[in-house]
Amino acid sequence: MKHSPKQLPEVGVRPKRVLSPSEQKSLATTAAASAIINDETAKWESKTARLKALRLAKEAEEEAENALKPAKKPARAKAKVTLATKGK
């Protein structure tokens, strides 16, 4: 019996497997869950980047303000008042 060229499978190529309905549902659920997770991750990363930029800008502004102010002299340490020295 001779086969036509269309009927012979190519060497090294496997035919695609037909998925059962439960496997198709499982793949659809997995794809939907992955999409939701990826979306939430992207939102989280963008929010983190935005807040980091705001924090760095605020810190730079505070450093600029502190650079304009004259440096304060450190306060002298006060002597501790204890019961032994208080009575003298």
N, C-alpha and C. Protein backbone atom coordinates (compact mmCIF):
# COMPACT_ATOMS: atom_id res chain seq x y z
N MET A 1 0.84 -1.16 0.00
CA MET A 1 0.00 0.00 0.00
C MET A 1 0.89 1.24 0.00
N LYS A 2 0.63 2.13 -0.91
CA LYS A 2 1.43 3.33 -1.03
C LYS A 2 0.71 4.49 -0.33
N HIS A 3 1.54 5.35 0.28
CA HIS A 3 1.00 6.54 0.95
C HIS A 3 1.27 7.75 0.09
N SER A 4 0.33 8.65 0.12
CA SER A 4 0.58 9.91 -0.57
C SER A 4 1.49 10.76 0.32
N PRO A 5 2.20 11.71 -0.26
CA PRO A 5 3.11 12.53 0.55
C PRO A 5 2.41 13.28 1.67
N LYS A 6 1.14 13.59 1.53
CA LYS A 6 0.42 14.32 2.58
C LYS A 6 0.15 13.43 3.78
N GLN A 7 0.08 12.12 3.62
CA GLN A 7 -0.25 11.23 4.71
C GLN A 7 0.96 10.85 5.55
N LEU A 8 2.14 10.96 5.01
CA LEU A 8 3.34 10.60 5.76
C LEU A 8 3.74 11.74 6.70
N PRO A 9 3.93 11.40 7.96
CA PRO A 9 4.40 12.45 8.89
C PRO A 9 5.86 12.76 8.61
N GLU A 10 6.25 13.99 8.87
CA GLU A 10 7.64 14.38 8.68
C GLU A 10 8.49 13.71 9.75
N VAL A 11 9.72 13.47 9.41
CA VAL A 11 10.62 12.81 10.34
C VAL A 11 10.92 13.76 11.50
N GLY A 12 10.77 13.27 12.73
CA GLY A 12 11.07 14.06 13.92
C GLY A 12 9.96 14.99 14.34
N VAL A 13 8.83 14.99 13.67
CA VAL A 13 7.71 15.86 14.02
C VAL A 13 6.60 14.99 14.59
N ARG A 14 6.17 15.32 15.77
CA ARG A 14 5.08 14.57 16.39
C ARG A 14 3.77 15.30 16.16
N PRO A 15 2.71 14.57 15.97
CA PRO A 15 1.41 15.25 15.82
C PRO A 15 1.02 15.90 17.14
N LYS A 16 0.28 17.01 17.06
CA LYS A 16 -0.15 17.70 18.26
C LYS A 16 -1.15 16.85 19.02
N ARG A 17 -0.99 16.86 20.32
CA ARG A 17 -1.86 16.08 21.19
C ARG A 17 -3.17 16.82 21.38
N VAL A 18 -4.25 16.11 21.36
CA VAL A 18 -5.56 16.70 21.59
C VAL A 18 -5.80 16.73 23.10
N LEU A 19 -6.12 17.90 23.62
CA LEU A 19 -6.33 18.05 25.06
C LEU A 19 -7.76 17.70 25.42
N SER A 20 -7.89 17.07 26.58
CA SER A 20 -9.22 16.75 27.07
C SER A 20 -9.87 18.03 27.58
N PRO A 21 -11.18 18.03 27.76
CA PRO A 21 -11.85 19.25 28.28
C PRO A 21 -11.31 19.69 29.63
N SER A 22 -10.99 18.76 30.50
CA SER A 22 -10.48 19.15 31.82
C SER A 22 -9.09 19.76 31.69
N GLU A 23 -8.27 19.26 30.76
CA GLU A 23 -6.94 19.84 30.55
C GLU A 23 -7.07 21.24 29.94
N GLN A 24 -8.03 21.41 29.02
CA GLN A 24 -8.25 22.73 28.44
C GLN A 24 -8.71 23.73 29.49
N LYS A 25 -9.58 23.30 30.39
CA LYS A 25 -10.06 24.17 31.47
C LYS A 25 -8.91 24.52 32.41
N SER A 26 -8.07 23.54 32.70
CA SER A 26 -6.92 23.77 33.57
C SER A 26 -5.96 24.78 32.95
N LEU A 27 -5.69 24.64 31.66
CA LEU A 27 -4.81 25.59 30.98
C LEU A 27 -5.42 27.00 30.96
N ALA A 28 -6.73 27.09 30.75
CA ALA A 28 -7.39 28.39 30.74
C ALA A 28 -7.31 29.05 32.11
N THR A 29 -7.53 28.26 33.16
CA THR A 29 -7.46 28.78 34.53
C THR A 29 -6.05 29.25 34.85
N THR A 30 -5.06 28.46 34.45
CA THR A 30 -3.67 28.82 34.70
C THR A 30 -3.31 30.11 33.97
N ALA A 31 -3.75 30.23 32.73
CA ALA A 31 -3.46 31.43 31.95
C ALA A 31 -4.12 32.66 32.58
N ALA A 32 -5.37 32.51 33.04
CA ALA A 32 -6.07 33.63 33.67
C ALA A 32 -5.38 34.03 34.98
N ALA A 33 -4.99 33.04 35.77
CA ALA A 33 -4.31 33.34 37.04
C ALA A 33 -2.97 34.02 36.79
N SER A 34 -2.24 33.56 35.79
CA SER A 34 -0.95 34.17 35.46
C SER A 34 -1.14 35.61 35.02
N ALA A 35 -2.18 35.87 34.24
CA ALA A 35 -2.44 37.23 33.78
C ALA A 35 -2.75 38.14 34.97
N ILE A 36 -3.55 37.66 35.90
CA ILE A 36 -3.90 38.46 37.08
C ILE A 36 -2.66 38.73 37.93
N ILE A 37 -1.86 37.70 38.14
CA ILE A 37 -0.64 37.85 38.95
C ILE A 37 0.33 38.82 38.29
N ASN A 38 0.52 38.70 36.98
CA ASN A 38 1.42 39.60 36.27
C ASN A 38 0.92 41.04 36.32
N ASP A 39 -0.39 41.23 36.22
CA ASP A 39 -0.96 42.57 36.30
C ASP A 39 -0.74 43.17 37.69
N GLU A 40 -0.99 42.39 38.72
CA GLU A 40 -0.80 42.88 40.08
C GLU A 40 0.68 43.19 40.35
N THR A 41 1.56 42.35 39.84
CA THR A 41 3.00 42.59 40.02
C THR A 41 3.42 43.87 39.33
N ALA A 42 2.92 44.11 38.13
CA ALA A 42 3.26 45.33 37.41
C ALA A 42 2.75 46.56 38.17
N LYS A 43 1.53 46.50 38.71
CA LYS A 43 0.99 47.62 39.50
C LYS A 43 1.85 47.86 40.74
N TRP A 44 2.22 46.78 41.42
CA TRP A 44 3.02 46.89 42.64
C TRP A 44 4.37 47.52 42.34
N GLU A 45 5.02 47.06 41.26
CA GLU A 45 6.34 47.60 40.91
C GLU A 45 6.25 49.07 40.51
N SER A 46 5.20 49.45 39.78
CA SER A 46 5.08 50.86 39.38
C SER A 46 4.81 51.74 40.60
N LYS A 47 4.01 51.25 41.53
CA LYS A 47 3.73 52.01 42.75
C LYS A 47 5.00 52.18 43.57
N THR A 48 5.78 51.10 43.68
CA THR A 48 7.03 51.15 44.44
C THR A 48 8.00 52.15 43.80
N ALA A 49 8.11 52.12 42.48
CA ALA A 49 9.01 53.04 41.78
C ALA A 49 8.56 54.49 41.97
N ARG A 50 7.25 54.73 41.90
CA ARG A 50 6.72 56.08 42.08
C ARG A 50 7.01 56.59 43.49
N LEU A 51 6.76 55.75 44.50
CA LEU A 51 7.00 56.16 45.89
C LEU A 51 8.48 56.37 46.16
N LYS A 52 9.33 55.55 45.56
CA LYS A 52 10.78 55.71 45.75
C LYS A 52 11.24 57.03 45.15
N ALA A 53 10.72 57.37 43.97
CA ALA A 53 11.09 58.64 43.34
C ALA A 53 10.65 59.82 44.20
N LEU A 54 9.45 59.74 44.75
CA LEU A 54 8.97 60.81 45.63
C LEU A 54 9.83 60.93 46.89
N ARG A 55 10.19 59.78 47.47
CA ARG A 55 11.03 59.79 48.67
C ARG A 55 12.40 60.39 48.38
N LEU A 56 13.00 60.01 47.27
CA LEU A 56 14.32 60.54 46.92
C LEU A 56 14.26 62.04 46.65
N ALA A 57 13.18 62.50 46.01
CA ALA A 57 13.03 63.93 45.76
C ALA A 57 12.87 64.70 47.07
N LYS A 58 12.10 64.15 47.99
CA LYS A 58 11.90 64.79 49.28
C LYS A 58 13.21 64.85 50.06
N GLU A 59 13.97 63.75 50.03
CA GLU A 59 15.26 63.73 50.73
C GLU A 59 16.23 64.74 50.13
N ALA A 60 16.25 64.87 48.81
CA ALA A 60 17.13 65.84 48.15
C ALA A 60 16.72 67.26 48.52
N GLU A 61 15.42 67.51 48.59
CA GLU A 61 14.93 68.83 48.96
C GLU A 61 15.32 69.16 50.41
N GLU A 62 15.20 68.19 51.30
CA GLU A 62 15.57 68.41 52.70
C GLU A 62 17.07 68.65 52.83
N GLU A 63 17.88 67.93 52.05
CA GLU A 63 19.32 68.14 52.10
C GLU A 63 19.68 69.54 51.59
N ALA A 64 18.98 70.01 50.56
CA ALA A 64 19.23 71.35 50.04
C ALA A 64 18.87 72.41 51.08
N GLU A 65 17.76 72.21 51.77
CA GLU A 65 17.36 73.16 52.82
C GLU A 65 18.36 73.15 53.97
N ASN A 66 18.84 71.97 54.35
CA ASN A 66 19.81 71.87 55.44
C ASN A 66 21.15 72.48 55.04
N ALA A 67 21.51 72.45 53.78
CA ALA A 67 22.77 73.03 53.33
C ALA A 67 22.73 74.55 53.42
N LEU A 68 21.55 75.14 53.27
CA LEU A 68 21.41 76.60 53.35
C LEU A 68 21.45 77.10 54.79
N LYS A 69 21.02 76.29 55.72
CA LYS A 69 20.99 76.70 57.13
C LYS A 69 22.39 76.60 57.72
N PRO A 70 22.74 77.53 58.62
CA PRO A 70 24.06 77.43 59.27
C PRO A 70 24.08 76.23 60.21
N ALA A 71 25.26 75.66 60.32
CA ALA A 71 25.41 74.49 61.19
C ALA A 71 25.30 74.91 62.65
N LYS A 72 24.59 74.16 63.42
CA LYS A 72 24.43 74.46 64.84
C LYS A 72 25.58 73.85 65.62
N LYS A 73 25.96 74.54 66.68
CA LYS A 73 26.99 73.99 67.55
C LYS A 73 26.35 72.90 68.39
N PRO A 74 27.08 71.83 68.64
CA PRO A 74 26.49 70.78 69.48
C PRO A 74 26.27 71.30 70.89
N ALA A 75 25.19 70.92 71.48
CA ALA A 75 24.85 71.36 72.83
C ALA A 75 25.80 70.70 73.83
N ARG A 76 26.11 71.47 74.87
CA ARG A 76 26.98 70.91 75.91
C ARG A 76 26.19 69.92 76.72
N ALA A 77 26.86 68.88 77.11
CA ALA A 77 26.22 67.86 77.92
C ALA A 77 26.07 68.40 79.34
N LYS A 78 24.89 68.23 79.87
CA LYS A 78 24.65 68.67 81.24
C LYS A 78 25.11 67.58 82.19
N ALA A 79 25.60 68.00 83.34
CA ALA A 79 26.04 67.04 84.34
C ALA A 79 24.81 66.34 84.91
N LYS A 80 24.94 65.06 85.11
CA LYS A 80 23.83 64.31 85.69
C LYS A 80 23.68 64.69 87.16
N VAL A 81 22.48 64.88 87.55
CA VAL A 81 22.19 65.17 88.95
C VAL A 81 21.77 63.86 89.60
N THR A 82 22.57 63.42 90.55
CA THR A 82 22.25 62.19 91.25
C THR A 82 21.94 62.52 92.70
N LEU A 83 21.46 61.57 93.41
CA LEU A 83 21.16 61.80 94.82
C LEU A 83 22.40 62.13 95.63
N ALA A 84 23.52 61.54 95.26
CA ALA A 84 24.74 61.77 96.03
C ALA A 84 25.23 63.21 95.84
N THR A 85 25.15 63.75 94.64
CA THR A 85 25.63 65.12 94.42
C THR A 85 24.58 66.16 94.77
N LYS A 86 23.34 65.77 94.83
CA LYS A 86 22.28 66.71 95.10
C LYS A 86 22.32 67.17 96.57
N GLY A 87 22.69 66.30 97.46
CA GLY A 87 22.71 66.63 98.87
C GLY A 87 23.86 67.51 99.30
N LYS A 88 24.88 67.67 98.55
CA LYS A 88 26.06 68.43 98.94
C LYS A 88 25.90 69.88 98.83
